[in-house]
Amino acid sequence: MLADTNQQAGRLICARICARDAAGHAETGETQKAWDDSMPQGGQAETLARIEAACPEMTALAALIRSFAAMLAPARKNKAKLQRWITSAREADLPHLHSFTRGLDLDIQAATAALTLPYHNGRTEGVNNKTKMIKRQMYGRAGFALLRHRILLG
């Protein structure tokens, strides 16, 4: 009885994912609430196992996401891994991943550099983000001198 309920829930989730992908748009808040209410109860690993068992597309997607996540630690061998990943993602029947791979192809040099080199601009982006946040907090309240003071001391 419980296994049938889990399979039905997995099929329902798979059907909703496929329908949403076919429509090509994100769900509304009301639809999202209904989606959340229909999720089977239990641990995340159990839920994922039920979904993967009921929907082969989810299994393929989960495997591709895991293999891409494994490349996020920079290493020289990631260049060849990225090419293999793009090939396997194109072979899968997942239109959103096809779109992602086309985006990777448009700037393959930057993607390869991000996955192979240990250098990044994260610190610079963090400083820019912090400066913009301070600027937004102080909008209309004080002049440049106080803004400069907060940035240099913060």
C-alpha atoms as a PDB file:
ATOM      1  CA  MET A   1       0.000   0.000   0.000  1.00  0.00           C
ATOM      2  CA  LEU A   2       2.747   2.480   1.003  1.00  0.00           C
ATOM      3  CA  ALA A   3       4.846   1.488  -2.009  1.00  0.00           C
ATOM      4  CA  ASP A   4       1.899   2.193  -4.326  1.00  0.00           C
ATOM      5  CA  THR A   5       1.420   5.613  -2.718  1.00  0.00           C
ATOM      6  CA  ASN A   6       5.121   6.411  -3.169  1.00  0.00           C
ATOM      7  CA  GLN A   7       5.043   5.328  -6.804  1.00  0.00           C
ATOM      8  CA  GLN A   8       1.945   7.420  -7.440  1.00  0.00           C
ATOM      9  CA  ALA A   9       3.574  10.434  -5.796  1.00  0.00           C
ATOM     10  CA  GLY A  10       6.718   9.910  -7.872  1.00  0.00           C
ATOM     11  CA  ARG A  11       4.705   9.645 -11.087  1.00  0.00           C
ATOM     12  CA  LEU A  12       2.784  12.793 -10.161  1.00  0.00           C
ATOM     13  CA  ILE A  13       6.008  14.699  -9.527  1.00  0.00           C
ATOM     14  CA  CYS A  14       7.533  13.439 -12.772  1.00  0.00           C
ATOM     15  CA  ALA A  15       4.404  14.399 -14.719  1.00  0.00           C
ATOM     16  CA  ARG A  16       4.474  17.896 -13.233  1.00  0.00           C
ATOM     17  CA  ILE A  17       8.155  18.335 -14.044  1.00  0.00           C
ATOM     18  CA  CYS A  18       7.645  17.164 -17.613  1.00  0.00           C
ATOM     19  CA  ALA A  19       4.572  19.389 -18.027  1.00  0.00           C
ATOM     20  CA  ARG A  20       6.420  22.401 -16.612  1.00  0.00           C
ATOM     21  CA  ASP A  21       9.398  21.750 -18.902  1.00  0.00           C
ATOM     22  CA  ALA A  22       7.096  21.399 -21.897  1.00  0.00           C
ATOM     23  CA  ALA A  23       5.393  24.686 -21.033  1.00  0.00           C
ATOM     24  CA  GLY A  24       8.826  26.320 -20.726  1.00  0.00           C
ATOM     25  CA  HIS A  25       8.051  28.515 -17.728  1.00  0.00           C
ATOM     26  CA  ALA A  26       8.343  28.538 -13.946  1.00  0.00           C
ATOM     27  CA  GLU A  27       5.379  27.689 -11.782  1.00  0.00           C
ATOM     28  CA  THR A  28       3.294  30.337 -10.024  1.00  0.00           C
ATOM     29  CA  GLY A  29       3.216  30.654  -6.246  1.00  0.00           C
ATOM     30  CA  GLU A  30      -0.142  28.866  -6.021  1.00  0.00           C
ATOM     31  CA  THR A  31       1.094  25.985  -8.161  1.00  0.00           C
ATOM     32  CA  GLN A  32       4.310  25.856  -6.137  1.00  0.00           C
ATOM     33  CA  LYS A  33       2.311  25.533  -2.888  1.00  0.00           C
ATOM     34  CA  ALA A  34       0.295  22.656  -4.370  1.00  0.00           C
ATOM     35  CA  TRP A  35       3.566  21.089  -5.499  1.00  0.00           C
ATOM     36  CA  ASP A  36       5.044  21.382  -1.990  1.00  0.00           C
ATOM     37  CA  ASP A  37       1.885  19.889  -0.435  1.00  0.00           C
ATOM     38  CA  SER A  38       2.037  16.887  -2.778  1.00  0.00           C
ATOM     39  CA  MET A  39       5.665  15.992  -1.927  1.00  0.00           C
ATOM     40  CA  PRO A  40       5.929  12.616  -0.182  1.00  0.00           C
ATOM     41  CA  GLN A  41       7.007  12.683   3.455  1.00  0.00           C
ATOM     42  CA  GLY A  42      10.280  11.137   4.585  1.00  0.00           C
ATOM     43  CA  GLY A  43      13.990  11.808   4.373  1.00  0.00           C
ATOM     44  CA  GLN A  44      15.498  13.581   1.391  1.00  0.00           C
ATOM     45  CA  ALA A  45      17.403  10.491   0.254  1.00  0.00           C
ATOM     46  CA  GLU A  46      14.245   8.376   0.358  1.00  0.00           C
ATOM     47  CA  THR A  47      12.266  11.006  -1.525  1.00  0.00           C
ATOM     48  CA  LEU A  48      14.973  11.294  -4.169  1.00  0.00           C
ATOM     49  CA  ALA A  49      15.083   7.505  -4.545  1.00  0.00           C
ATOM     50  CA  ARG A  50      11.304   7.377  -5.044  1.00  0.00           C
ATOM     51  CA  ILE A  51      11.364  10.155  -7.624  1.00  0.00           C
ATOM     52  CA  GLU A  52      14.244   8.580  -9.533  1.00  0.00           C
ATOM     53  CA  ALA A  53      12.478   5.211  -9.550  1.00  0.00           C
ATOM     54  CA  ALA A  54       9.299   6.733 -10.943  1.00  0.00           C
ATOM     55  CA  CYS A  55      10.907   9.059 -13.497  1.00  0.00           C
ATOM     56  CA  PRO A  56      13.894   8.062 -15.666  1.00  0.00           C
ATOM     57  CA  GLU A  57      14.393  11.710 -16.704  1.00  0.00           C
ATOM     58  CA  MET A  58      15.019  12.609 -13.073  1.00  0.00           C
ATOM     59  CA  THR A  59      17.559   9.798 -12.775  1.00  0.00           C
ATOM     60  CA  ALA A  60      19.445  11.070 -15.822  1.00  0.00           C
ATOM     61  CA  LEU A  61      19.251  14.660 -14.595  1.00  0.00           C
ATOM     62  CA  ALA A  62      20.501  13.747 -11.110  1.00  0.00           C
ATOM     63  CA  ALA A  63      23.435  11.789 -12.556  1.00  0.00           C
ATOM     64  CA  LEU A  64      24.424  14.649 -14.866  1.00  0.00           C
ATOM     65  CA  ILE A  65      24.170  17.209 -12.074  1.00  0.00           C
ATOM     66  CA  ARG A  66      26.316  15.071  -9.770  1.00  0.00           C
ATOM     67  CA  SER A  67      28.970  14.612 -12.438  1.00  0.00           C
ATOM     68  CA  PHE A  68      29.023  18.359 -13.177  1.00  0.00           C
ATOM     69  CA  ALA A  69      29.278  19.173  -9.459  1.00  0.00           C
ATOM     70  CA  ALA A  70      32.298  16.873  -9.215  1.00  0.00           C
ATOM     71  CA  MET A  71      34.109  19.148 -11.700  1.00  0.00           C
ATOM     72  CA  LEU A  72      33.649  22.306  -9.613  1.00  0.00           C
ATOM     73  CA  ALA A  73      36.930  21.756  -7.753  1.00  0.00           C
ATOM     74  CA  PRO A  74      39.560  23.141 -10.169  1.00  0.00           C
ATOM     75  CA  ALA A  75      41.832  20.496 -11.721  1.00  0.00           C
ATOM     76  CA  ARG A  76      43.649  20.216 -15.053  1.00  0.00           C
ATOM     77  CA  LYS A  77      41.813  17.010 -15.993  1.00  0.00           C
ATOM     78  CA  ASN A  78      38.470  18.878 -15.850  1.00  0.00           C
ATOM     79  CA  LYS A  79      38.948  20.152 -19.419  1.00  0.00           C
ATOM     80  CA  ALA A  80      38.463  16.658 -20.856  1.00  0.00           C
ATOM     81  CA  LYS A  81      35.762  15.882 -18.281  1.00  0.00           C
ATOM     82  CA  LEU A  82      33.825  18.997 -19.343  1.00  0.00           C
ATOM     83  CA  GLN A  83      33.856  17.913 -22.988  1.00  0.00           C
ATOM     84  CA  ARG A  84      32.640  14.429 -22.029  1.00  0.00           C
ATOM     85  CA  TRP A  85      29.950  15.945 -19.795  1.00  0.00           C
ATOM     86  CA  ILE A  86      28.691  18.215 -22.586  1.00  0.00           C
ATOM     87  CA  THR A  87      28.514  15.216 -24.938  1.00  0.00           C
ATOM     88  CA  SER A  88      26.591  13.097 -22.430  1.00  0.00           C
ATOM     89  CA  ALA A  89      24.240  15.996 -21.577  1.00  0.00           C
ATOM     90  CA  ARG A  90      23.414  16.413 -25.265  1.00  0.00           C
ATOM     91  CA  GLU A  91      22.672  12.705 -25.595  1.00  0.00           C
ATOM     92  CA  ALA A  92      20.124  12.907 -22.757  1.00  0.00           C
ATOM     93  CA  ASP A  93      16.554  13.925 -23.574  1.00  0.00           C
ATOM     94  CA  LEU A  94      16.637  16.990 -21.310  1.00  0.00           C
ATOM     95  CA  PRO A  95      15.955  20.255 -23.218  1.00  0.00           C
ATOM     96  CA  HIS A  96      17.022  22.552 -20.377  1.00  0.00           C
ATOM     97  CA  LEU A  97      20.432  20.892 -20.206  1.00  0.00           C
ATOM     98  CA  HIS A  98      20.742  21.253 -23.980  1.00  0.00           C
ATOM     99  CA  SER A  99      20.230  24.991 -23.497  1.00  0.00           C
ATOM    100  CA  PHE A 100      22.888  25.016 -20.758  1.00  0.00           C
ATOM    101  CA  THR A 101      25.394  23.196 -22.986  1.00  0.00           C
ATOM    102  CA  ARG A 102      24.768  25.690 -25.802  1.00  0.00           C
ATOM    103  CA  GLY A 103      25.588  28.454 -23.320  1.00  0.00           C
ATOM    104  CA  LEU A 104      28.784  26.649 -22.334  1.00  0.00           C
ATOM    105  CA  ASP A 105      29.749  26.361 -26.000  1.00  0.00           C
ATOM    106  CA  LEU A 106      29.338  30.100 -26.515  1.00  0.00           C
ATOM    107  CA  ASP A 107      32.058  30.759 -23.952  1.00  0.00           C
ATOM    108  CA  ILE A 108      33.889  27.446 -23.695  1.00  0.00           C
ATOM    109  CA  GLN A 109      37.226  29.125 -22.927  1.00  0.00           C
ATOM    110  CA  ALA A 110      35.860  30.868 -19.820  1.00  0.00           C
ATOM    111  CA  ALA A 111      34.083  27.693 -18.659  1.00  0.00           C
ATOM    112  CA  THR A 112      37.255  25.652 -19.120  1.00  0.00           C
ATOM    113  CA  ALA A 113      39.319  28.247 -17.260  1.00  0.00           C
ATOM    114  CA  ALA A 114      36.846  28.283 -14.372  1.00  0.00           C
ATOM    115  CA  LEU A 115      37.015  24.495 -14.026  1.00  0.00           C
ATOM    116  CA  THR A 116      40.771  24.080 -14.498  1.00  0.00           C
ATOM    117  CA  LEU A 117      42.520  27.123 -12.993  1.00  0.00           C
ATOM    118  CA  PRO A 118      42.792  27.852  -9.265  1.00  0.00           C
ATOM    119  CA  TYR A 119      42.349  31.615  -9.838  1.00  0.00           C
ATOM    120  CA  HIS A 120      39.053  33.440  -9.406  1.00  0.00           C
ATOM    121  CA  ASN A 121      37.682  36.913  -8.742  1.00  0.00           C
ATOM    122  CA  GLY A 122      35.469  35.984  -5.789  1.00  0.00           C
ATOM    123  CA  ARG A 123      37.141  38.390  -3.374  1.00  0.00           C
ATOM    124  CA  THR A 124      36.714  41.313  -5.765  1.00  0.00           C
ATOM    125  CA  GLU A 125      33.056  40.456  -6.354  1.00  0.00           C
ATOM    126  CA  GLY A 126      32.515  40.229  -2.600  1.00  0.00           C
ATOM    127  CA  VAL A 127      33.956  43.723  -2.064  1.00  0.00           C
ATOM    128  CA  ASN A 128      31.786  45.097  -4.881  1.00  0.00           C
ATOM    129  CA  ASN A 129      28.697  43.471  -3.382  1.00  0.00           C
ATOM    130  CA  LYS A 130      29.458  44.873   0.075  1.00  0.00           C
ATOM    131  CA  THR A 131      30.035  48.377  -1.317  1.00  0.00           C
ATOM    132  CA  LYS A 132      26.730  48.310  -3.200  1.00  0.00           C
ATOM    133  CA  MET A 133      24.900  47.103  -0.086  1.00  0.00           C
ATOM    134  CA  ILE A 134      26.327  49.961   2.007  1.00  0.00           C
ATOM    135  CA  LYS A 135      25.464  52.456  -0.735  1.00  0.00           C
ATOM    136  CA  ARG A 136      21.851  51.205  -0.846  1.00  0.00           C
ATOM    137  CA  GLN A 137      21.536  51.363   2.941  1.00  0.00           C
ATOM    138  CA  MET A 138      22.741  54.962   3.009  1.00  0.00           C
ATOM    139  CA  TYR A 139      20.828  56.239  -0.035  1.00  0.00           C
ATOM    140  CA  GLY A 140      19.629  59.788   0.668  1.00  0.00           C
ATOM    141  CA  ARG A 141      20.884  59.792   4.273  1.00  0.00           C
ATOM    142  CA  ALA A 142      24.437  61.066   4.127  1.00  0.00           C
ATOM    143  CA  GLY A 143      27.104  62.394   1.843  1.00  0.00           C
ATOM    144  CA  PHE A 144      30.122  60.861   0.191  1.00  0.00           C
ATOM    145  CA  ALA A 145      32.377  61.408   3.221  1.00  0.00           C
ATOM    146  CA  LEU A 146      30.305  59.104   5.457  1.00  0.00           C
ATOM    147  CA  LEU A 147      29.937  56.524   2.679  1.00  0.00           C
ATOM    148  CA  ARG A 148      33.725  56.495   2.209  1.00  0.00           C
ATOM    149  CA  HIS A 149      34.232  56.200   5.974  1.00  0.00           C
ATOM    150  CA  ARG A 150      31.866  53.202   6.261  1.00  0.00           C
ATOM    151  CA  ILE A 151      33.497  51.418   3.314  1.00  0.00           C
ATOM    152  CA  LEU A 152      37.029  51.911   4.636  1.00  0.00           C
ATOM    153  CA  LEU A 153      36.173  50.881   8.199  1.00  0.00           C
ATOM    154  CA  GLY A 154      33.827  48.026   7.323  1.00  0.00           C
END
